[in-house]
Amino acid sequence: MITRKDVMPVNFLKKEKFTGSDTGMRYRMEMTKREVPKEDGADGETVEETVLTVTSWPEPYGYDATPEEEKTREEFPFSEEGIVSGVEWLNGQHARYVKPEK
């Protein structure tokens, strides 16, 4: 199980990607930007929003060596609350990656 204290703070994530693993699952948290419709929605205008993108995938390979179709992503607000939600999401994903014992 991943806990909040296992993950770096927001200030670290502003500058670096954070990776980790937990019993069959690897994961990465990173700050990303995305275009979203402007609040007033005038003429299809968009604004850039900063989000926390959390990715999980099965061991044994690292992020770059794992095929995209094996990765699962979710976006959260780029804040302390977003990190907490990302950790909760990762713990929910964990069962997908644990191999049953023989």
N, C-alpha and C. Protein backbone atom coordinates (compact mmCIF):
# COMPACT_ATOMS: atom_id res chain seq x y z
N MET A 1 0.85 -1.19 0.00
CA MET A 1 0.00 0.00 0.00
C MET A 1 0.89 1.25 0.00
N ILE A 2 0.52 2.19 -0.83
CA ILE A 2 1.24 3.45 -0.93
C ILE A 2 0.58 4.44 0.03
N THR A 3 1.38 5.20 0.75
CA THR A 3 0.85 6.22 1.64
C THR A 3 1.29 7.59 1.15
N ARG A 4 0.66 8.62 1.64
CA ARG A 4 1.00 9.99 1.22
C ARG A 4 2.47 10.29 1.50
N LYS A 5 3.00 9.81 2.60
CA LYS A 5 4.39 10.11 2.94
C LYS A 5 5.39 9.44 1.99
N ASP A 6 4.92 8.48 1.18
CA ASP A 6 5.79 7.82 0.20
C ASP A 6 6.03 8.69 -1.04
N VAL A 7 5.25 9.73 -1.21
CA VAL A 7 5.28 10.55 -2.42
C VAL A 7 5.84 11.93 -2.09
N MET A 8 6.59 12.48 -3.04
CA MET A 8 7.21 13.79 -2.85
C MET A 8 6.17 14.92 -2.78
N PRO A 9 6.54 16.06 -2.18
CA PRO A 9 5.61 17.19 -2.07
C PRO A 9 5.42 17.91 -3.40
N VAL A 10 4.43 18.78 -3.42
CA VAL A 10 4.07 19.54 -4.62
C VAL A 10 5.28 20.28 -5.18
N ASN A 11 6.06 20.92 -4.32
CA ASN A 11 7.22 21.69 -4.81
C ASN A 11 8.21 20.82 -5.57
N PHE A 12 8.41 19.57 -5.16
CA PHE A 12 9.28 18.65 -5.89
C PHE A 12 8.67 18.34 -7.25
N LEU A 13 7.36 18.06 -7.26
CA LEU A 13 6.68 17.67 -8.50
C LEU A 13 6.61 18.81 -9.51
N LYS A 14 6.81 20.04 -9.08
CA LYS A 14 6.88 21.15 -10.03
C LYS A 14 8.11 21.05 -10.91
N LYS A 15 9.15 20.38 -10.41
CA LYS A 15 10.42 20.33 -11.13
C LYS A 15 10.79 18.95 -11.66
N GLU A 16 10.30 17.91 -11.02
CA GLU A 16 10.73 16.55 -11.35
C GLU A 16 9.54 15.59 -11.41
N LYS A 17 9.71 14.52 -12.16
CA LYS A 17 8.75 13.42 -12.16
C LYS A 17 9.10 12.52 -10.98
N PHE A 18 8.10 11.93 -10.35
CA PHE A 18 8.34 11.03 -9.23
C PHE A 18 7.90 9.63 -9.63
N THR A 19 8.78 8.66 -9.47
CA THR A 19 8.43 7.28 -9.78
C THR A 19 8.59 6.40 -8.55
N GLY A 20 7.84 5.31 -8.55
CA GLY A 20 7.92 4.36 -7.45
C GLY A 20 7.35 3.02 -7.88
N SER A 21 7.38 2.07 -6.95
CA SER A 21 6.80 0.76 -7.23
C SER A 21 6.24 0.18 -5.94
N ASP A 22 5.31 -0.74 -6.11
CA ASP A 22 4.70 -1.40 -4.97
C ASP A 22 4.14 -2.75 -5.40
N THR A 23 4.79 -3.82 -5.03
CA THR A 23 4.35 -5.19 -5.23
C THR A 23 3.69 -5.45 -6.59
N GLY A 24 4.47 -5.39 -7.64
CA GLY A 24 3.97 -5.71 -8.97
C GLY A 24 3.52 -4.53 -9.80
N MET A 25 3.40 -3.37 -9.17
CA MET A 25 2.94 -2.18 -9.88
C MET A 25 4.02 -1.10 -9.83
N ARG A 26 4.23 -0.45 -10.94
CA ARG A 26 5.10 0.73 -10.98
C ARG A 26 4.20 1.93 -11.23
N TYR A 27 4.68 3.10 -10.80
CA TYR A 27 3.87 4.30 -10.99
C TYR A 27 4.73 5.54 -11.16
N ARG A 28 4.11 6.57 -11.71
CA ARG A 28 4.78 7.86 -11.93
C ARG A 28 3.79 8.98 -11.71
N MET A 29 4.24 10.03 -11.03
CA MET A 29 3.45 11.25 -10.84
C MET A 29 4.23 12.39 -11.46
N GLU A 30 3.53 13.26 -12.20
CA GLU A 30 4.21 14.38 -12.84
C GLU A 30 3.26 15.53 -13.09
N MET A 31 3.82 16.73 -13.11
CA MET A 31 3.06 17.92 -13.45
C MET A 31 2.95 17.98 -14.97
N THR A 32 1.74 18.15 -15.48
CA THR A 32 1.54 18.30 -16.92
C THR A 32 0.61 19.47 -17.17
N LYS A 33 0.61 19.92 -18.39
CA LYS A 33 -0.27 21.02 -18.81
C LYS A 33 -1.27 20.47 -19.82
N ARG A 34 -2.48 21.01 -19.79
CA ARG A 34 -3.49 20.63 -20.78
C ARG A 34 -4.35 21.85 -21.10
N GLU A 35 -4.91 21.83 -22.27
CA GLU A 35 -5.80 22.90 -22.71
C GLU A 35 -7.23 22.55 -22.31
N VAL A 36 -7.91 23.50 -21.67
CA VAL A 36 -9.31 23.30 -21.28
C VAL A 36 -10.12 24.49 -21.78
N PRO A 37 -11.41 24.30 -22.03
CA PRO A 37 -12.24 25.42 -22.49
C PRO A 37 -12.24 26.55 -21.46
N LYS A 38 -12.21 27.78 -21.97
CA LYS A 38 -12.26 28.94 -21.10
C LYS A 38 -13.61 28.99 -20.40
N GLU A 39 -13.65 29.51 -19.18
CA GLU A 39 -14.89 29.53 -18.38
C GLU A 39 -16.08 30.13 -19.12
N ASP A 40 -15.86 31.25 -19.82
CA ASP A 40 -16.99 31.88 -20.51
C ASP A 40 -17.32 31.19 -21.83
N GLY A 41 -16.40 30.29 -22.29
CA GLY A 41 -16.65 29.51 -23.48
C GLY A 41 -16.77 30.28 -24.77
N ALA A 42 -16.29 31.51 -24.80
CA ALA A 42 -16.43 32.36 -25.98
C ALA A 42 -15.58 31.85 -27.13
N ASP A 43 -16.21 31.59 -28.26
CA ASP A 43 -15.53 31.22 -29.51
C ASP A 43 -14.54 30.07 -29.37
N GLY A 44 -14.83 29.11 -28.51
CA GLY A 44 -13.97 27.95 -28.37
C GLY A 44 -12.59 28.25 -27.80
N GLU A 45 -12.44 29.38 -27.12
CA GLU A 45 -11.15 29.72 -26.53
C GLU A 45 -10.79 28.74 -25.42
N THR A 46 -9.49 28.51 -25.28
CA THR A 46 -9.01 27.61 -24.24
C THR A 46 -7.96 28.31 -23.38
N VAL A 47 -7.73 27.74 -22.22
CA VAL A 47 -6.67 28.19 -21.32
C VAL A 47 -5.85 26.98 -20.93
N GLU A 48 -4.62 27.23 -20.52
CA GLU A 48 -3.75 26.14 -20.09
C GLU A 48 -3.96 25.89 -18.60
N GLU A 49 -4.11 24.62 -18.25
CA GLU A 49 -4.33 24.22 -16.86
C GLU A 49 -3.22 23.25 -16.45
N THR A 50 -2.74 23.40 -15.25
CA THR A 50 -1.72 22.50 -14.71
C THR A 50 -2.42 21.39 -13.93
N VAL A 51 -2.08 20.15 -14.23
CA VAL A 51 -2.68 19.01 -13.54
C VAL A 51 -1.59 18.04 -13.09
N LEU A 52 -1.96 17.16 -12.20
CA LEU A 52 -1.09 16.08 -11.76
C LEU A 52 -1.51 14.84 -12.53
N THR A 53 -0.62 14.32 -13.36
CA THR A 53 -0.91 13.11 -14.11
C THR A 53 -0.25 11.94 -13.38
N VAL A 54 -1.06 10.94 -13.06
CA VAL A 54 -0.58 9.75 -12.37
C VAL A 54 -0.74 8.57 -13.32
N THR A 55 0.33 7.82 -13.49
CA THR A 55 0.36 6.68 -14.41
C THR A 55 0.76 5.44 -13.65
N SER A 56 0.08 4.32 -13.92
CA SER A 56 0.47 3.04 -13.34
C SER A 56 0.68 2.04 -14.47
N TRP A 57 1.54 1.05 -14.23
CA TRP A 57 1.80 0.00 -15.20
C TRP A 57 2.40 -1.19 -14.47
N PRO A 58 2.38 -2.38 -15.10
CA PRO A 58 2.90 -3.58 -14.44
C PRO A 58 4.44 -3.62 -14.46
N GLU A 59 5.00 -4.22 -13.42
CA GLU A 59 6.44 -4.48 -13.41
C GLU A 59 6.72 -5.51 -14.50
N PRO A 60 7.91 -5.70 -14.98
CA PRO A 60 9.18 -5.31 -14.38
C PRO A 60 9.81 -4.08 -15.02
N TYR A 61 9.27 -3.57 -16.12
CA TYR A 61 9.97 -2.54 -16.87
C TYR A 61 9.66 -1.14 -16.37
N GLY A 62 10.57 -0.21 -16.69
CA GLY A 62 10.39 1.19 -16.38
C GLY A 62 9.39 1.84 -17.32
N TYR A 63 9.11 3.10 -17.08
CA TYR A 63 8.11 3.85 -17.84
C TYR A 63 8.40 3.84 -19.34
N ASP A 64 9.62 4.19 -19.72
CA ASP A 64 9.94 4.31 -21.14
C ASP A 64 9.96 2.97 -21.87
N ALA A 65 10.24 1.89 -21.16
CA ALA A 65 10.34 0.56 -21.79
C ALA A 65 9.00 -0.18 -21.81
N THR A 66 7.97 0.39 -21.20
CA THR A 66 6.66 -0.26 -21.14
C THR A 66 5.77 0.27 -22.27
N PRO A 67 5.13 -0.62 -23.02
CA PRO A 67 4.24 -0.16 -24.10
C PRO A 67 3.09 0.70 -23.55
N GLU A 68 2.70 1.71 -24.30
CA GLU A 68 1.63 2.62 -23.88
C GLU A 68 0.34 1.89 -23.53
N GLU A 69 0.02 0.83 -24.27
CA GLU A 69 -1.24 0.12 -24.01
C GLU A 69 -1.27 -0.58 -22.66
N GLU A 70 -0.13 -0.73 -22.01
CA GLU A 70 -0.07 -1.35 -20.69
C GLU A 70 -0.15 -0.32 -19.56
N LYS A 71 -0.16 0.97 -19.90
CA LYS A 71 -0.19 2.04 -18.90
C LYS A 71 -1.63 2.54 -18.72
N THR A 72 -1.92 2.92 -17.48
CA THR A 72 -3.21 3.52 -17.16
C THR A 72 -2.93 4.88 -16.53
N ARG A 73 -3.67 5.91 -16.99
CA ARG A 73 -3.43 7.28 -16.50
C ARG A 73 -4.71 7.88 -15.94
N GLU A 74 -4.49 8.79 -15.00
CA GLU A 74 -5.59 9.57 -14.44
C GLU A 74 -5.03 10.95 -14.10
N GLU A 75 -5.85 11.98 -14.24
CA GLU A 75 -5.43 13.34 -13.92
C GLU A 75 -6.15 13.83 -12.67
N PHE A 76 -5.41 14.62 -11.87
CA PHE A 76 -5.91 15.18 -10.62
C PHE A 76 -5.49 16.64 -10.55
N PRO A 77 -6.13 17.42 -9.68
CA PRO A 77 -5.69 18.80 -9.51
C PRO A 77 -4.23 18.81 -9.03
N PHE A 78 -3.47 19.79 -9.49
CA PHE A 78 -2.08 19.89 -9.07
C PHE A 78 -2.03 20.63 -7.73
N SER A 79 -2.25 19.86 -6.67
CA SER A 79 -2.31 20.41 -5.31
C SER A 79 -2.06 19.27 -4.34
N GLU A 80 -1.97 19.61 -3.07
CA GLU A 80 -1.81 18.59 -2.04
C GLU A 80 -2.98 17.62 -2.07
N GLU A 81 -4.19 18.14 -2.25
CA GLU A 81 -5.38 17.29 -2.32
C GLU A 81 -5.32 16.37 -3.54
N GLY A 82 -4.77 16.88 -4.64
CA GLY A 82 -4.61 16.05 -5.84
C GLY A 82 -3.63 14.91 -5.62
N ILE A 83 -2.56 15.18 -4.88
CA ILE A 83 -1.61 14.11 -4.57
C ILE A 83 -2.28 13.03 -3.72
N VAL A 84 -3.03 13.45 -2.72
CA VAL A 84 -3.74 12.49 -1.86
C VAL A 84 -4.71 11.66 -2.71
N SER A 85 -5.44 12.30 -3.62
CA SER A 85 -6.37 11.57 -4.50
C SER A 85 -5.60 10.62 -5.43
N GLY A 86 -4.44 11.07 -5.92
CA GLY A 86 -3.61 10.22 -6.77
C GLY A 86 -3.12 8.98 -6.05
N VAL A 87 -2.73 9.14 -4.79
CA VAL A 87 -2.29 7.99 -3.99
C VAL A 87 -3.46 7.02 -3.79
N GLU A 88 -4.63 7.55 -3.50
CA GLU A 88 -5.82 6.69 -3.33
C GLU A 88 -6.12 5.94 -4.63
N TRP A 89 -6.03 6.64 -5.76
CA TRP A 89 -6.27 6.00 -7.05
C TRP A 89 -5.27 4.89 -7.30
N LEU A 90 -3.99 5.16 -7.01
CA LEU A 90 -2.96 4.12 -7.19
C LEU A 90 -3.26 2.90 -6.34
N ASN A 91 -3.67 3.10 -5.11
CA ASN A 91 -3.99 1.96 -4.25
C ASN A 91 -5.18 1.17 -4.80
N GLY A 92 -6.12 1.84 -5.46
CA GLY A 92 -7.22 1.16 -6.12
C GLY A 92 -6.78 0.37 -7.35
N GLN A 93 -5.73 0.86 -8.01
CA GLN A 93 -5.19 0.18 -9.20
C GLN A 93 -4.37 -1.05 -8.84
N HIS A 94 -3.86 -1.08 -7.66
CA HIS A 94 -2.89 -2.09 -7.24
C HIS A 94 -3.34 -3.52 -7.51
N ALA A 95 -4.59 -3.83 -7.28
CA ALA A 95 -5.08 -5.21 -7.46
C ALA A 95 -4.94 -5.69 -8.90
N ARG A 96 -4.92 -4.77 -9.86
CA ARG A 96 -4.76 -5.15 -11.26
C ARG A 96 -3.39 -5.76 -11.54
N TYR A 97 -2.40 -5.43 -10.72
CA TYR A 97 -1.02 -5.80 -11.02
C TYR A 97 -0.46 -6.91 -10.13
N VAL A 98 -1.15 -7.26 -9.07
CA VAL A 98 -0.67 -8.32 -8.19
C VAL A 98 -0.97 -9.66 -8.82
N LYS A 99 0.07 -10.45 -9.00
CA LYS A 99 -0.09 -11.79 -9.58
C LYS A 99 -0.49 -12.76 -8.46
N PRO A 100 -1.49 -13.61 -8.74
CA PRO A 100 -1.88 -14.58 -7.71
C PRO A 100 -0.76 -15.56 -7.43
N GLU A 101 -0.62 -15.91 -6.15
CA GLU A 101 0.40 -16.87 -5.78
C GLU A 101 -0.03 -18.27 -6.21
N LYS A 102 0.96 -19.08 -6.58
CA LYS A 102 0.67 -20.45 -7.05
C LYS A 102 0.63 -21.41 -5.91
